[in-house]
Structure formats: structure tokens, C-alpha cells
Amino acid sequence: MKQNKFVAFIAVICASAAASSLNAATIPAGTTLSVSSVSSFSSKTPVGRTFEAKLAQDVSVHGRSILKAGSKVFGRIASSRHNPRRNDPLTVELTSVSVNGRNIPVKTNAFQPGHPPVTGRQARYGYTAGTLVITPGTLMQFQLLQPVTL
């Protein structure tokens, strides 16, 4: 009797593992994620601060929609001009995507959202003028550097 229960238990575990692997999907490296910012930030925002965005379009793999447009994504400021002694351009990267209430970590390329105005003298010496502000609704495109299993 104990052996039958053990075999049944193992069968249930194997069946649930097989079902979960069928539902799992992998988004390959190099896939483009188009996102629209939800929160605003600027070229003076401190490095490391996070921001929220949403997918601007569905992400499909082999004709099957894996991530729906409107899904939440989160990112962070990779570089900025927050430190007045440095003149780094504003770059951002995605850190996670929300799927069924879970945040799945992602690794993407750094994206430079835009360029603040530059005068001739500043261009000659590598400095930029003004503050670049990213408002809600700004479109950005990222490429996955590593595959993501959902």
C-alpha cells in the first residue's frame, strides 16, 4: 500500500513538472523590447534610481505572444549627470519585467534616450548643455543581452 502511494506521489510530481515546463517560455537574447515610460526622470537623476515603464507592443516568440503590451517593466538609471564633476550622458537599462505578479530579472543593453542641446564650444570640449527630461509616454527600445525564461 505504501509503495502504491509513493508511486502515485512521484507520478503527480512528474506530471506537474511536465506541465510547468510546457507553460515556460524563453525569450531569446537579442529580442527587442519596446517600452513606454510611466514615470519621469532626467539627466540629473541619481545613478541607480529606478523607473517604471510598460511594454509598448507584444513580445512574440515563434508566432506566440509571450509578453503582452502594457505589461509592467522596471529599469534603473545606469549613468547620468547627477554628479557635477562628471559629464556622463543619461543612459538607462531594464532590470525586470512583471509576469503574472512576479518580477522576472532581465539584462538589457544600456539605452540613451535623447540628447540635450549642445553649443559649438561644448561640442568641441565634450560638454552638454541643459537637462534632458524623460516624460511619461517616451518610447525607448532595449535589446535583451541574455535569454529570459518566464
Protein backbone atom coordinates (compact mmCIF):
# COMPACT_ATOMS: atom_id res chain seq x y z
CA MET A 1 0.00 0.00 0.00
CA LYS A 2 2.81 2.42 0.89
CA GLN A 3 4.54 1.61 -2.39
CA ASN A 4 1.39 2.48 -4.38
CA LYS A 5 1.10 5.85 -2.62
CA PHE A 6 4.76 6.57 -3.26
CA VAL A 7 4.42 5.72 -6.98
CA ALA A 8 1.28 7.89 -7.22
CA PHE A 9 3.11 10.75 -5.48
CA ILE A 10 6.06 10.50 -7.91
CA ALA A 11 3.65 10.42 -10.87
CA VAL A 12 1.92 13.60 -9.67
CA ILE A 13 5.27 15.38 -9.22
CA CYS A 14 6.43 14.36 -12.72
CA ALA A 15 3.12 15.46 -14.26
CA SER A 16 3.22 18.88 -12.59
CA ALA A 17 6.85 19.38 -13.62
CA ALA A 18 6.00 18.49 -17.22
CA ALA A 19 3.01 20.87 -17.20
CA SER A 20 5.08 23.75 -15.83
CA SER A 21 7.79 23.20 -18.44
CA LEU A 22 5.15 23.35 -21.18
CA ASN A 23 3.96 26.72 -19.87
CA ALA A 24 7.51 28.08 -19.51
CA ALA A 25 8.72 30.14 -22.42
CA THR A 26 12.15 31.51 -23.22
CA ILE A 27 12.67 34.86 -24.88
CA PRO A 28 15.99 34.68 -26.77
CA ALA A 29 18.86 37.13 -26.36
CA GLY A 30 18.74 39.91 -28.95
CA THR A 31 14.95 40.29 -28.74
CA THR A 32 13.87 43.94 -28.86
CA LEU A 33 11.69 45.25 -26.03
CA SER A 34 9.88 48.50 -26.90
CA VAL A 35 8.76 50.28 -23.76
CA SER A 36 6.97 53.50 -22.89
CA SER A 37 8.00 55.32 -19.72
CA VAL A 38 5.41 55.63 -16.96
CA SER A 39 7.47 57.70 -14.53
CA SER A 40 9.52 60.76 -15.39
CA PHE A 41 13.25 61.19 -14.81
CA SER A 42 16.01 63.42 -16.11
CA SER A 43 19.69 63.55 -16.91
CA LYS A 44 20.20 64.86 -13.36
CA THR A 45 18.54 61.85 -11.71
CA PRO A 46 21.00 59.95 -9.47
CA VAL A 47 22.56 56.76 -10.84
CA GLY A 48 20.82 53.64 -9.51
CA ARG A 49 17.39 55.22 -9.14
CA THR A 50 14.65 53.02 -10.59
CA PHE A 51 11.89 53.92 -13.01
CA GLU A 52 8.73 52.22 -14.25
CA ALA A 53 7.68 51.66 -17.84
CA LYS A 54 5.29 49.43 -19.76
CA LEU A 55 5.71 47.34 -22.89
CA ALA A 56 4.62 49.34 -25.92
CA GLN A 57 3.96 46.21 -28.01
CA ASP A 58 3.61 42.46 -27.58
CA VAL A 59 6.76 40.32 -27.45
CA SER A 60 6.33 37.21 -29.61
CA VAL A 61 8.50 34.13 -29.99
CA HIS A 62 7.79 31.73 -32.88
CA GLY A 63 4.44 33.43 -33.53
CA ARG A 64 3.30 33.01 -29.92
CA SER A 65 2.74 36.14 -27.82
CA ILE A 66 4.82 35.74 -24.66
CA LEU A 67 4.53 39.21 -23.12
CA LYS A 68 1.50 41.43 -23.69
CA ALA A 69 1.66 45.14 -24.45
CA GLY A 70 1.05 47.09 -21.24
CA SER A 71 3.00 44.66 -19.04
CA LYS A 72 4.99 46.49 -16.37
CA VAL A 73 8.76 46.69 -16.73
CA PHE A 74 11.24 48.27 -14.38
CA GLY A 75 14.62 49.81 -15.05
CA ARG A 76 17.37 51.83 -13.47
CA ILE A 77 19.48 54.84 -14.31
CA ALA A 78 22.87 53.46 -15.45
CA SER A 79 24.59 56.85 -15.86
CA SER A 80 23.62 60.48 -15.53
CA ARG A 81 24.96 63.96 -14.92
CA HIS A 82 23.82 63.97 -11.28
CA ASN A 83 27.45 64.34 -10.18
CA PRO A 84 28.51 67.84 -11.37
CA ARG A 85 32.14 66.71 -11.73
CA ARG A 86 31.22 64.16 -14.40
CA ASN A 87 29.54 64.72 -17.73
CA ASP A 88 28.13 61.26 -18.46
CA PRO A 89 25.13 61.10 -20.78
CA LEU A 90 21.83 59.79 -19.44
CA THR A 91 21.63 56.02 -20.03
CA VAL A 92 19.04 53.61 -18.70
CA GLU A 93 18.65 49.83 -18.68
CA LEU A 94 15.83 47.45 -17.86
CA THR A 95 16.14 45.28 -14.77
CA SER A 96 12.90 43.26 -14.62
CA VAL A 97 9.57 42.55 -16.28
CA SER A 98 6.38 41.75 -14.38
CA VAL A 99 4.70 38.50 -15.41
CA ASN A 100 1.62 37.30 -13.51
CA GLY A 101 2.59 39.39 -10.49
CA ARG A 102 6.21 38.13 -10.41
CA ASN A 103 9.18 40.29 -11.33
CA ILE A 104 11.47 38.34 -13.66
CA PRO A 105 15.03 39.74 -13.85
CA VAL A 106 16.27 40.78 -17.29
CA LYS A 107 19.60 42.03 -18.61
CA THR A 108 19.43 44.54 -21.45
CA ASN A 109 21.71 46.92 -23.25
CA ALA A 110 22.00 50.50 -21.99
CA PHE A 111 19.77 52.92 -23.90
CA GLN A 112 20.49 56.63 -24.31
CA PRO A 113 17.02 58.25 -24.50
CA GLY A 114 17.97 61.52 -26.18
CA HIS A 115 20.49 64.28 -26.39
CA PRO A 116 20.30 67.63 -24.61
CA PRO A 117 21.12 70.74 -26.63
CA VAL A 118 24.81 71.30 -27.38
CA THR A 119 26.56 74.54 -28.28
CA GLY A 120 29.58 74.64 -30.60
CA ARG A 121 32.04 75.22 -27.78
CA GLN A 122 30.52 72.45 -25.66
CA ALA A 123 30.68 70.02 -28.56
CA ARG A 124 34.34 70.85 -29.08
CA TYR A 125 35.14 70.11 -25.42
CA GLY A 126 32.67 67.24 -24.92
CA TYR A 127 30.16 69.01 -22.67
CA THR A 128 26.40 69.20 -22.99
CA ALA A 129 24.01 71.97 -22.03
CA GLY A 130 20.68 71.78 -20.30
CA THR A 131 18.83 68.98 -18.65
CA LEU A 132 17.24 66.17 -20.63
CA VAL A 133 13.82 65.27 -19.18
CA ILE A 134 12.12 61.97 -19.98
CA THR A 135 8.38 62.40 -19.58
CA PRO A 136 5.74 59.67 -19.25
CA GLY A 137 4.99 58.17 -22.64
CA THR A 138 8.55 58.44 -24.00
CA LEU A 139 9.32 55.41 -26.20
CA MET A 140 12.58 53.52 -25.66
CA GLN A 141 13.97 50.33 -27.23
CA PHE A 142 16.16 47.77 -25.48
CA GLN A 143 17.74 44.51 -26.62
CA LEU A 144 17.98 41.52 -24.31
CA LEU A 145 21.61 40.57 -23.64
CA GLN A 146 20.65 37.20 -22.12
CA PRO A 147 17.72 34.84 -22.73
CA VAL A 148 14.82 35.19 -20.28
CA THR A 149 12.83 32.18 -19.10
CA LEU A 150 9.35 33.01 -17.89
